[in-house]
Amino acid sequence: MIPVNSFDISHIVFPSNVHLADPTFNISNSIDALLSADIFFDILKDGKYKLDNGNLILQNTEFGCIISGNTSRFSSGSLHCGLITKDFETLNGTLKSFWEIEEIVPTKFVSDKLKKCDEHFLKTMRGTLTDVFASRCP
């Protein structure tokens, strides 16, 4: 979740070997990407660090470290969170459309050898009077 309000992180000491997935995570901005739950755990890698007396956790991923934790102490004012929705079905439809558009359909790899076998089968396959299908061997 991106912060509603930007906050200062200059006092946090990050390990020198840590590469952040989003170096500007503390600055309020628009969402860059949403990952579906079915791939989230696939991007996680070994490497978990606790910072700021355990208030922040860095988790290593394929994209660099992501940060999670309680940021309320970095805020200079009160925090507010709200959600106004006119129609839940509209919101649900919008999210469904988003995931359908963003879905990556895996392509099926078919080798040349398999293509030739399929072509041969389709050319030589014949049905018999007893509802048995027969094909010649190459």
C-alpha atoms as a PDB file:
ATOM      1  CA  MET A   1       0.000   0.000   0.000  1.00  0.00           C
ATOM      2  CA  ILE A   2       1.398   3.370  -0.880  1.00  0.00           C
ATOM      3  CA  PRO A   3       1.366   6.043   1.804  1.00  0.00           C
ATOM      4  CA  VAL A   4      -1.449   8.583   1.766  1.00  0.00           C
ATOM      5  CA  ASN A   5       1.022  11.192   3.000  1.00  0.00           C
ATOM      6  CA  SER A   6       4.726  11.342   2.255  1.00  0.00           C
ATOM      7  CA  PHE A   7       7.077  10.863   5.206  1.00  0.00           C
ATOM      8  CA  ASP A   8      10.757  11.378   6.017  1.00  0.00           C
ATOM      9  CA  ILE A   9      13.053   8.338   6.051  1.00  0.00           C
ATOM     10  CA  SER A  10      16.403  10.135   6.357  1.00  0.00           C
ATOM     11  CA  HIS A  11      16.961   8.739   9.881  1.00  0.00           C
ATOM     12  CA  ILE A  12      16.552   5.106   8.758  1.00  0.00           C
ATOM     13  CA  VAL A  13      19.825   3.305   8.079  1.00  0.00           C
ATOM     14  CA  PHE A  14      19.450   0.812   5.235  1.00  0.00           C
ATOM     15  CA  PRO A  15      22.013  -1.989   4.841  1.00  0.00           C
ATOM     16  CA  SER A  16      24.494  -1.148   2.078  1.00  0.00           C
ATOM     17  CA  ASN A  17      23.750  -4.365   0.174  1.00  0.00           C
ATOM     18  CA  VAL A  18      20.004  -3.649  -0.036  1.00  0.00           C
ATOM     19  CA  HIS A  19      18.498  -2.596  -3.351  1.00  0.00           C
ATOM     20  CA  LEU A  20      14.999  -1.168  -2.889  1.00  0.00           C
ATOM     21  CA  ALA A  21      12.307  -2.156  -5.379  1.00  0.00           C
ATOM     22  CA  ASP A  22      10.930   1.394  -4.973  1.00  0.00           C
ATOM     23  CA  PRO A  23      13.513   3.862  -3.638  1.00  0.00           C
ATOM     24  CA  THR A  24      10.756   6.483  -3.280  1.00  0.00           C
ATOM     25  CA  PHE A  25       8.367   4.246  -1.314  1.00  0.00           C
ATOM     26  CA  ASN A  26       7.871   6.986   1.280  1.00  0.00           C
ATOM     27  CA  ILE A  27       6.546   9.520  -1.218  1.00  0.00           C
ATOM     28  CA  SER A  28       2.818   9.517  -1.865  1.00  0.00           C
ATOM     29  CA  ASN A  29       2.189   8.815  -5.536  1.00  0.00           C
ATOM     30  CA  SER A  30       0.099   6.679  -7.866  1.00  0.00           C
ATOM     31  CA  ILE A  31       0.347   2.883  -7.903  1.00  0.00           C
ATOM     32  CA  ASP A  32       2.892   1.591 -10.434  1.00  0.00           C
ATOM     33  CA  ALA A  33       1.770  -2.044 -10.581  1.00  0.00           C
ATOM     34  CA  LEU A  34      -0.562  -4.515  -8.909  1.00  0.00           C
ATOM     35  CA  LEU A  35       0.443  -8.135  -8.562  1.00  0.00           C
ATOM     36  CA  SER A  36      -2.146 -10.840  -8.290  1.00  0.00           C
ATOM     37  CA  ALA A  37      -1.942 -13.208  -5.345  1.00  0.00           C
ATOM     38  CA  ASP A  38      -1.080 -16.174  -7.569  1.00  0.00           C
ATOM     39  CA  ILE A  39       2.309 -14.659  -8.484  1.00  0.00           C
ATOM     40  CA  PHE A  40       3.123 -12.655  -5.354  1.00  0.00           C
ATOM     41  CA  PHE A  41       4.801 -15.528  -3.515  1.00  0.00           C
ATOM     42  CA  ASP A  42       6.696 -16.521  -6.674  1.00  0.00           C
ATOM     43  CA  ILE A  43       8.601 -13.210  -6.654  1.00  0.00           C
ATOM     44  CA  LEU A  44       9.753 -13.522  -3.027  1.00  0.00           C
ATOM     45  CA  LYS A  45      13.410 -14.415  -2.485  1.00  0.00           C
ATOM     46  CA  ASP A  46      15.546 -15.227   0.547  1.00  0.00           C
ATOM     47  CA  GLY A  47      16.454 -12.180   2.569  1.00  0.00           C
ATOM     48  CA  LYS A  48      14.412 -10.501   5.260  1.00  0.00           C
ATOM     49  CA  TYR A  49      15.688  -7.527   7.259  1.00  0.00           C
ATOM     50  CA  LYS A  50      14.204  -5.716  10.252  1.00  0.00           C
ATOM     51  CA  LEU A  51      14.891  -1.997  10.518  1.00  0.00           C
ATOM     52  CA  ASP A  52      13.996   0.810  12.889  1.00  0.00           C
ATOM     53  CA  ASN A  53      13.782  -1.451  15.970  1.00  0.00           C
ATOM     54  CA  GLY A  54      11.620  -3.950  14.103  1.00  0.00           C
ATOM     55  CA  ASN A  55       8.996  -1.419  12.997  1.00  0.00           C
ATOM     56  CA  LEU A  56       9.898  -1.876   9.334  1.00  0.00           C
ATOM     57  CA  ILE A  57      10.554  -5.117   7.494  1.00  0.00           C
ATOM     58  CA  LEU A  58      12.389  -5.378   4.197  1.00  0.00           C
ATOM     59  CA  GLN A  59      11.659  -8.502   2.143  1.00  0.00           C
ATOM     60  CA  ASN A  60      13.862  -9.364  -0.817  1.00  0.00           C
ATOM     61  CA  THR A  61      12.015  -9.977  -4.108  1.00  0.00           C
ATOM     62  CA  GLU A  62      12.842 -10.394  -7.792  1.00  0.00           C
ATOM     63  CA  PHE A  63      12.451  -6.595  -8.099  1.00  0.00           C
ATOM     64  CA  GLY A  64      14.503  -5.634  -5.055  1.00  0.00           C
ATOM     65  CA  CYS A  65      13.456  -5.202  -1.433  1.00  0.00           C
ATOM     66  CA  ILE A  66       9.898  -4.233  -0.613  1.00  0.00           C
ATOM     67  CA  ILE A  67       9.095  -2.521   2.676  1.00  0.00           C
ATOM     68  CA  SER A  68       6.310  -3.209   5.106  1.00  0.00           C
ATOM     69  CA  GLY A  69       5.504  -2.127   8.611  1.00  0.00           C
ATOM     70  CA  ASN A  70       4.077   0.539  10.842  1.00  0.00           C
ATOM     71  CA  THR A  71       4.824   4.030   9.544  1.00  0.00           C
ATOM     72  CA  SER A  72       2.507   5.925  11.899  1.00  0.00           C
ATOM     73  CA  ARG A  73       5.424   7.275  13.944  1.00  0.00           C
ATOM     74  CA  PHE A  74       6.813   8.970  10.814  1.00  0.00           C
ATOM     75  CA  SER A  75       3.621  10.969  10.343  1.00  0.00           C
ATOM     76  CA  SER A  76       3.433  14.560  11.517  1.00  0.00           C
ATOM     77  CA  GLY A  77      -0.363  14.656  11.695  1.00  0.00           C
ATOM     78  CA  SER A  78      -3.364  12.482  12.154  1.00  0.00           C
ATOM     79  CA  LEU A  79      -3.993   9.760   9.626  1.00  0.00           C
ATOM     80  CA  HIS A  80      -7.333   9.225   7.983  1.00  0.00           C
ATOM     81  CA  CYS A  81      -8.468   6.381   5.840  1.00  0.00           C
ATOM     82  CA  GLY A  82     -11.758   6.199   4.031  1.00  0.00           C
ATOM     83  CA  LEU A  83     -13.515   4.501   1.185  1.00  0.00           C
ATOM     84  CA  ILE A  84     -16.520   5.810  -0.627  1.00  0.00           C
ATOM     85  CA  THR A  85     -18.095   3.605  -3.215  1.00  0.00           C
ATOM     86  CA  LYS A  86     -21.229   4.334  -5.164  1.00  0.00           C
ATOM     87  CA  ASP A  87     -21.783   0.828  -6.383  1.00  0.00           C
ATOM     88  CA  PHE A  88     -19.856  -2.223  -5.253  1.00  0.00           C
ATOM     89  CA  GLU A  89     -20.740  -4.083  -8.455  1.00  0.00           C
ATOM     90  CA  THR A  90     -19.169  -1.294 -10.520  1.00  0.00           C
ATOM     91  CA  LEU A  91     -15.989  -1.487  -8.452  1.00  0.00           C
ATOM     92  CA  ASN A  92     -15.988  -5.269  -8.699  1.00  0.00           C
ATOM     93  CA  GLY A  93     -16.496  -5.071 -12.480  1.00  0.00           C
ATOM     94  CA  THR A  94     -13.693  -2.550 -12.841  1.00  0.00           C
ATOM     95  CA  LEU A  95     -11.266  -4.753 -10.909  1.00  0.00           C
ATOM     96  CA  LYS A  96     -12.352  -7.817 -12.887  1.00  0.00           C
ATOM     97  CA  SER A  97     -11.768  -5.948 -16.166  1.00  0.00           C
ATOM     98  CA  PHE A  98      -8.355  -4.821 -14.941  1.00  0.00           C
ATOM     99  CA  TRP A  99      -7.221  -8.369 -14.169  1.00  0.00           C
ATOM    100  CA  GLU A 100      -8.590  -9.664 -17.486  1.00  0.00           C
ATOM    101  CA  ILE A 101      -6.689  -6.974 -19.392  1.00  0.00           C
ATOM    102  CA  GLU A 102      -3.482  -7.541 -17.412  1.00  0.00           C
ATOM    103  CA  GLU A 103      -3.618 -11.345 -17.555  1.00  0.00           C
ATOM    104  CA  ILE A 104      -0.681 -12.919 -19.332  1.00  0.00           C
ATOM    105  CA  VAL A 105      -1.851 -15.920 -21.276  1.00  0.00           C
ATOM    106  CA  PRO A 106       0.876 -18.547 -21.496  1.00  0.00           C
ATOM    107  CA  THR A 107       1.759 -19.568 -25.014  1.00  0.00           C
ATOM    108  CA  LYS A 108       1.930 -23.247 -25.769  1.00  0.00           C
ATOM    109  CA  PHE A 109       5.235 -24.301 -27.299  1.00  0.00           C
ATOM    110  CA  VAL A 110       4.894 -26.970 -29.955  1.00  0.00           C
ATOM    111  CA  SER A 111       8.082 -28.462 -31.402  1.00  0.00           C
ATOM    112  CA  ASP A 112       8.542 -29.045 -35.136  1.00  0.00           C
ATOM    113  CA  LYS A 113       8.597 -32.795 -34.508  1.00  0.00           C
ATOM    114  CA  LEU A 114       5.208 -32.659 -32.764  1.00  0.00           C
ATOM    115  CA  LYS A 115       3.775 -30.481 -35.544  1.00  0.00           C
ATOM    116  CA  LYS A 116       4.877 -33.047 -38.151  1.00  0.00           C
ATOM    117  CA  CYS A 117       3.329 -35.878 -36.110  1.00  0.00           C
ATOM    118  CA  ASP A 118       0.040 -33.986 -35.876  1.00  0.00           C
ATOM    119  CA  GLU A 119       0.035 -33.249 -39.620  1.00  0.00           C
ATOM    120  CA  HIS A 120       0.782 -36.893 -40.467  1.00  0.00           C
ATOM    121  CA  PHE A 121      -1.977 -38.111 -38.156  1.00  0.00           C
ATOM    122  CA  LEU A 122      -4.554 -35.735 -39.638  1.00  0.00           C
ATOM    123  CA  LYS A 123      -3.600 -36.687 -43.225  1.00  0.00           C
ATOM    124  CA  THR A 124      -3.651 -40.457 -42.686  1.00  0.00           C
ATOM    125  CA  MET A 125      -6.335 -40.890 -40.010  1.00  0.00           C
ATOM    126  CA  ARG A 126      -9.384 -42.805 -41.208  1.00  0.00           C
ATOM    127  CA  GLY A 127     -12.492 -44.031 -39.462  1.00  0.00           C
ATOM    128  CA  THR A 128     -13.494 -47.666 -39.970  1.00  0.00           C
ATOM    129  CA  LEU A 129     -16.940 -49.263 -40.140  1.00  0.00           C
ATOM    130  CA  THR A 130     -16.609 -50.360 -36.513  1.00  0.00           C
ATOM    131  CA  ASP A 131     -16.015 -46.803 -35.228  1.00  0.00           C
ATOM    132  CA  VAL A 132     -12.290 -47.392 -34.796  1.00  0.00           C
ATOM    133  CA  PHE A 133      -9.831 -44.771 -35.965  1.00  0.00           C
ATOM    134  CA  ALA A 134      -6.646 -45.859 -37.729  1.00  0.00           C
ATOM    135  CA  SER A 135      -3.561 -43.975 -38.862  1.00  0.00           C
ATOM    136  CA  ARG A 136      -0.532 -45.172 -40.829  1.00  0.00           C
ATOM    137  CA  CYS A 137       2.873 -45.212 -39.211  1.00  0.00           C
ATOM    138  CA  PRO A 138       5.380 -42.900 -40.913  1.00  0.00           C
END
